[in-house]
């Protein structure tokens, strides 16, 4: 792979992650899912557990599985929506 193609691939992948995080933030704060109501605006916790440091403890697949089994509102998430939320909370 040429350096030019490698740089283009890195830009494409990083922009996809940023897009997922931005959508994840919107979904996290949305009335539909209400993650912010239990986990706080910065993932500090409250009625639900804190997300501080969660991205260092669990990878994306582990968090997807945990969220889909442990968080009632995520039952109404599509896998794409849940993935975006997980990408967002991994930065806390």
N, C-alpha and C. Protein backbone atom coordinates (compact mmCIF):
# COMPACT_ATOMS: atom_id res chain seq x y z
N UNK A 1 0.86 -1.17 0.00
CA UNK A 1 0.00 0.00 0.00
C UNK A 1 0.90 1.23 0.00
N UNK A 2 0.58 2.17 -0.84
CA UNK A 2 1.38 3.40 -0.90
C UNK A 2 1.11 4.27 0.31
N UNK A 3 2.03 5.16 0.58
CA UNK A 3 1.89 6.09 1.70
C UNK A 3 0.63 6.95 1.52
N UNK A 4 0.37 7.37 0.31
CA UNK A 4 -0.82 8.19 0.02
C UNK A 4 -2.09 7.42 0.37
N UNK A 5 -2.17 6.15 -0.03
CA UNK A 5 -3.35 5.33 0.27
C UNK A 5 -3.47 5.07 1.77
N UNK A 6 -2.33 4.86 2.43
CA UNK A 6 -2.34 4.63 3.87
C UNK A 6 -2.86 5.86 4.61
N UNK A 7 -2.40 7.03 4.23
CA UNK A 7 -2.88 8.28 4.85
C UNK A 7 -4.37 8.45 4.61
N UNK A 8 -4.83 8.18 3.40
CA UNK A 8 -6.26 8.30 3.09
C UNK A 8 -7.08 7.33 3.94
N UNK A 9 -6.57 6.12 4.12
CA UNK A 9 -7.27 5.13 4.94
C UNK A 9 -7.34 5.57 6.40
N UNK A 10 -6.25 6.10 6.93
CA UNK A 10 -6.23 6.59 8.31
C UNK A 10 -7.23 7.72 8.49
N UNK A 11 -7.27 8.64 7.55
CA UNK A 11 -8.22 9.76 7.62
C UNK A 11 -9.66 9.24 7.57
N UNK A 12 -9.92 8.31 6.68
CA UNK A 12 -11.26 7.74 6.56
C UNK A 12 -11.69 7.04 7.84
N UNK A 13 -10.82 6.22 8.41
CA UNK A 13 -11.16 5.51 9.64
C UNK A 13 -11.35 6.46 10.81
N UNK A 14 -10.48 7.45 10.96
CA UNK A 14 -10.61 8.37 12.08
C UNK A 14 -11.85 9.25 11.92
N UNK A 15 -12.21 9.62 10.70
CA UNK A 15 -13.43 10.41 10.51
C UNK A 15 -14.66 9.58 10.83
N UNK A 16 -14.62 8.28 10.55
CA UNK A 16 -15.73 7.39 10.92
C UNK A 16 -15.91 7.30 12.42
N UNK A 17 -14.81 7.24 13.15
CA UNK A 17 -14.87 7.19 14.61
C UNK A 17 -15.42 8.51 15.15
N UNK A 18 -14.95 9.64 14.61
CA UNK A 18 -15.46 10.94 15.05
C UNK A 18 -16.95 11.06 14.75
N UNK A 19 -17.38 10.60 13.57
CA UNK A 19 -18.79 10.64 13.21
C UNK A 19 -19.61 9.81 14.20
N UNK A 20 -19.12 8.61 14.52
CA UNK A 20 -19.83 7.75 15.47
C UNK A 20 -19.91 8.41 16.84
N UNK A 21 -18.82 9.06 17.27
CA UNK A 21 -18.84 9.72 18.58
C UNK A 21 -19.82 10.88 18.60
N UNK A 22 -19.86 11.67 17.52
CA UNK A 22 -20.80 12.80 17.47
C UNK A 22 -22.23 12.29 17.47
N UNK A 23 -22.53 11.28 16.69
CA UNK A 23 -23.88 10.70 16.70
C UNK A 23 -24.16 10.04 18.04
N UNK A 24 -23.17 9.40 18.61
CA UNK A 24 -23.32 8.77 19.92
C UNK A 24 -23.67 9.78 20.99
N UNK A 25 -23.04 10.94 20.94
CA UNK A 25 -23.34 12.00 21.91
C UNK A 25 -24.79 12.43 21.77
N UNK A 26 -25.23 12.64 20.54
CA UNK A 26 -26.62 13.06 20.30
C UNK A 26 -27.59 12.00 20.79
N UNK A 27 -27.30 10.73 20.53
CA UNK A 27 -28.17 9.65 20.98
C UNK A 27 -28.14 9.52 22.51
N UNK A 28 -26.95 9.63 23.10
CA UNK A 28 -26.77 9.54 24.55
C UNK A 28 -27.60 10.61 25.26
N UNK A 29 -27.64 11.80 24.66
CA UNK A 29 -28.37 12.92 25.26
C UNK A 29 -29.83 13.00 24.83
N UNK A 30 -30.25 12.14 23.91
CA UNK A 30 -31.62 12.20 23.38
C UNK A 30 -32.67 11.79 24.39
N UNK A 31 -33.87 12.30 24.19
CA UNK A 31 -35.00 11.89 25.03
C UNK A 31 -35.38 10.44 24.78
N UNK A 32 -35.16 9.98 23.55
CA UNK A 32 -35.53 8.61 23.19
C UNK A 32 -34.81 7.58 24.07
N UNK A 33 -33.52 7.76 24.25
CA UNK A 33 -32.76 6.78 25.02
C UNK A 33 -32.49 7.23 26.45
N UNK A 34 -32.31 8.52 26.67
CA UNK A 34 -32.19 9.06 28.02
C UNK A 34 -30.99 8.57 28.82
N UNK A 35 -29.93 8.17 28.16
CA UNK A 35 -28.73 7.68 28.87
C UNK A 35 -28.26 8.69 29.90
N UNK A 36 -28.29 9.96 29.50
CA UNK A 36 -27.81 11.05 30.34
C UNK A 36 -28.59 11.12 31.66
N UNK A 37 -29.84 10.70 31.66
CA UNK A 37 -30.65 10.77 32.88
C UNK A 37 -30.13 9.85 33.98
N UNK A 38 -29.58 8.73 33.63
CA UNK A 38 -29.08 7.79 34.64
C UNK A 38 -27.55 7.82 34.79
N UNK A 39 -26.85 8.14 33.71
CA UNK A 39 -25.39 8.05 33.73
C UNK A 39 -24.69 9.40 33.78
N UNK A 40 -25.45 10.50 33.73
CA UNK A 40 -24.88 11.85 33.83
C UNK A 40 -24.38 12.40 32.51
N UNK A 41 -24.24 13.71 32.47
CA UNK A 41 -23.83 14.38 31.24
C UNK A 41 -22.41 14.03 30.82
N UNK A 42 -21.56 13.74 31.77
CA UNK A 42 -20.17 13.38 31.48
C UNK A 42 -19.85 11.95 31.89
N UNK A 43 -20.89 11.12 31.98
CA UNK A 43 -20.69 9.72 32.34
C UNK A 43 -20.31 9.51 33.79
N UNK A 44 -20.63 10.50 34.64
CA UNK A 44 -20.23 10.44 36.05
C UNK A 44 -21.09 9.50 36.89
N UNK A 45 -22.18 9.05 36.34
CA UNK A 45 -23.06 8.14 37.09
C UNK A 45 -24.14 8.89 37.84
N UNK A 46 -24.97 8.17 38.50
CA UNK A 46 -26.12 8.70 39.23
C UNK A 46 -26.99 7.51 39.58
N UNK A 47 -28.16 7.45 38.96
CA UNK A 47 -29.00 6.26 39.13
C UNK A 47 -28.37 5.05 38.47
N UNK A 48 -27.61 5.30 37.43
CA UNK A 48 -26.87 4.24 36.73
C UNK A 48 -25.39 4.36 37.05
N UNK A 49 -24.60 3.38 36.70
CA UNK A 49 -23.17 3.41 37.03
C UNK A 49 -22.40 4.47 36.23
N UNK A 50 -21.26 4.84 36.76
CA UNK A 50 -20.36 5.77 36.09
C UNK A 50 -19.72 5.08 34.89
N UNK A 51 -19.42 5.87 33.87
CA UNK A 51 -18.70 5.38 32.70
C UNK A 51 -17.25 5.86 32.70
N UNK A 52 -16.81 6.52 33.77
CA UNK A 52 -15.45 7.04 33.83
C UNK A 52 -14.45 5.89 33.68
N UNK A 53 -13.57 6.00 32.71
CA UNK A 53 -12.53 5.01 32.48
C UNK A 53 -13.00 3.71 31.84
N UNK A 54 -14.26 3.66 31.42
CA UNK A 54 -14.83 2.41 30.90
C UNK A 54 -14.16 1.95 29.60
N UNK A 55 -13.69 2.91 28.80
CA UNK A 55 -13.03 2.56 27.55
C UNK A 55 -11.69 1.87 27.76
N UNK A 56 -11.11 2.03 28.95
CA UNK A 56 -9.85 1.36 29.28
C UNK A 56 -10.09 -0.02 29.86
N UNK A 57 -11.28 -0.24 30.41
CA UNK A 57 -11.60 -1.52 31.04
C UNK A 57 -12.18 -2.53 30.06
N UNK A 58 -12.95 -2.03 29.08
CA UNK A 58 -13.66 -2.91 28.16
C UNK A 58 -13.48 -2.44 26.73
N UNK A 59 -13.42 -3.40 25.79
CA UNK A 59 -13.37 -3.03 24.38
C UNK A 59 -14.80 -2.81 23.87
N UNK A 60 -14.92 -2.39 22.64
CA UNK A 60 -16.24 -2.05 22.08
C UNK A 60 -17.20 -3.24 22.12
N UNK A 61 -16.73 -4.42 21.71
CA UNK A 61 -17.60 -5.60 21.70
C UNK A 61 -18.10 -5.95 23.10
N UNK A 62 -17.22 -5.85 24.08
CA UNK A 62 -17.63 -6.14 25.47
C UNK A 62 -18.68 -5.14 25.94
N UNK A 63 -18.48 -3.88 25.61
CA UNK A 63 -19.45 -2.86 26.02
C UNK A 63 -20.78 -3.02 25.30
N UNK A 64 -20.74 -3.39 24.04
CA UNK A 64 -21.98 -3.64 23.30
C UNK A 64 -22.79 -4.74 23.98
N UNK A 65 -22.11 -5.81 24.35
CA UNK A 65 -22.79 -6.94 24.99
C UNK A 65 -23.36 -6.53 26.35
N UNK A 66 -22.54 -5.84 27.14
CA UNK A 66 -22.98 -5.42 28.48
C UNK A 66 -24.19 -4.47 28.38
N UNK A 67 -24.11 -3.51 27.48
CA UNK A 67 -25.19 -2.53 27.35
C UNK A 67 -26.47 -3.18 26.86
N UNK A 68 -26.35 -4.11 25.93
CA UNK A 68 -27.55 -4.73 25.38
C UNK A 68 -28.25 -5.62 26.40
N UNK A 69 -27.51 -6.09 27.41
CA UNK A 69 -28.11 -6.96 28.44
C UNK A 69 -28.47 -6.24 29.73
N UNK A 70 -27.79 -5.14 30.02
CA UNK A 70 -27.93 -4.50 31.33
C UNK A 70 -28.66 -3.18 31.36
N UNK A 71 -28.90 -2.59 30.22
CA UNK A 71 -29.51 -1.26 30.21
C UNK A 71 -30.85 -1.32 29.49
N UNK A 72 -31.94 -1.18 30.21
CA UNK A 72 -33.27 -1.31 29.60
C UNK A 72 -33.53 -0.48 28.36
N UNK A 73 -33.18 0.82 28.31
CA UNK A 73 -33.49 1.58 27.09
C UNK A 73 -32.76 1.09 25.84
N UNK A 74 -31.63 0.40 26.01
CA UNK A 74 -30.89 -0.05 24.83
C UNK A 74 -31.63 -1.12 24.06
N UNK A 75 -32.65 -1.69 24.64
CA UNK A 75 -33.45 -2.68 23.92
C UNK A 75 -34.14 -2.07 22.70
N UNK A 76 -34.31 -0.76 22.72
CA UNK A 76 -34.93 -0.09 21.58
C UNK A 76 -33.89 0.50 20.61
N UNK A 77 -32.62 0.26 20.88
CA UNK A 77 -31.53 0.72 20.00
C UNK A 77 -31.31 -0.26 18.86
N UNK A 78 -31.02 0.28 17.71
CA UNK A 78 -30.52 -0.57 16.64
C UNK A 78 -29.05 -0.85 16.95
N UNK A 79 -28.47 -1.89 16.37
CA UNK A 79 -27.03 -2.13 16.60
C UNK A 79 -26.17 -0.93 16.21
N UNK A 80 -26.55 -0.22 15.16
CA UNK A 80 -25.80 0.96 14.73
C UNK A 80 -25.88 2.07 15.78
N UNK A 81 -27.07 2.30 16.32
CA UNK A 81 -27.24 3.33 17.35
C UNK A 81 -26.47 2.96 18.61
N UNK A 82 -26.58 1.71 19.03
CA UNK A 82 -25.87 1.26 20.22
C UNK A 82 -24.36 1.38 20.00
N UNK A 83 -23.89 1.03 18.82
CA UNK A 83 -22.47 1.17 18.51
C UNK A 83 -22.00 2.60 18.62
N UNK A 84 -22.81 3.53 18.15
CA UNK A 84 -22.46 4.96 18.23
C UNK A 84 -22.42 5.42 19.68
N UNK A 85 -23.38 4.99 20.49
CA UNK A 85 -23.39 5.35 21.91
C UNK A 85 -22.15 4.78 22.59
N UNK A 86 -21.84 3.53 22.31
CA UNK A 86 -20.67 2.89 22.92
C UNK A 86 -19.38 3.62 22.53
N UNK A 87 -19.24 3.99 21.26
CA UNK A 87 -18.06 4.75 20.83
C UNK A 87 -17.96 6.06 21.61
N UNK A 88 -19.10 6.69 21.85
CA UNK A 88 -19.10 7.95 22.59
C UNK A 88 -18.70 7.74 24.06
N UNK A 89 -19.29 6.76 24.73
CA UNK A 89 -18.98 6.59 26.16
C UNK A 89 -17.57 6.07 26.41
N UNK A 90 -16.96 5.47 25.40
CA UNK A 90 -15.59 4.97 25.58
C UNK A 90 -14.60 6.11 25.82
N UNK A 91 -14.97 7.33 25.51
CA UNK A 91 -14.06 8.46 25.70
C UNK A 91 -14.13 9.03 27.13
N UNK A 92 -15.09 8.62 27.91
CA UNK A 92 -15.22 9.15 29.29
C UNK A 92 -14.07 8.68 30.15
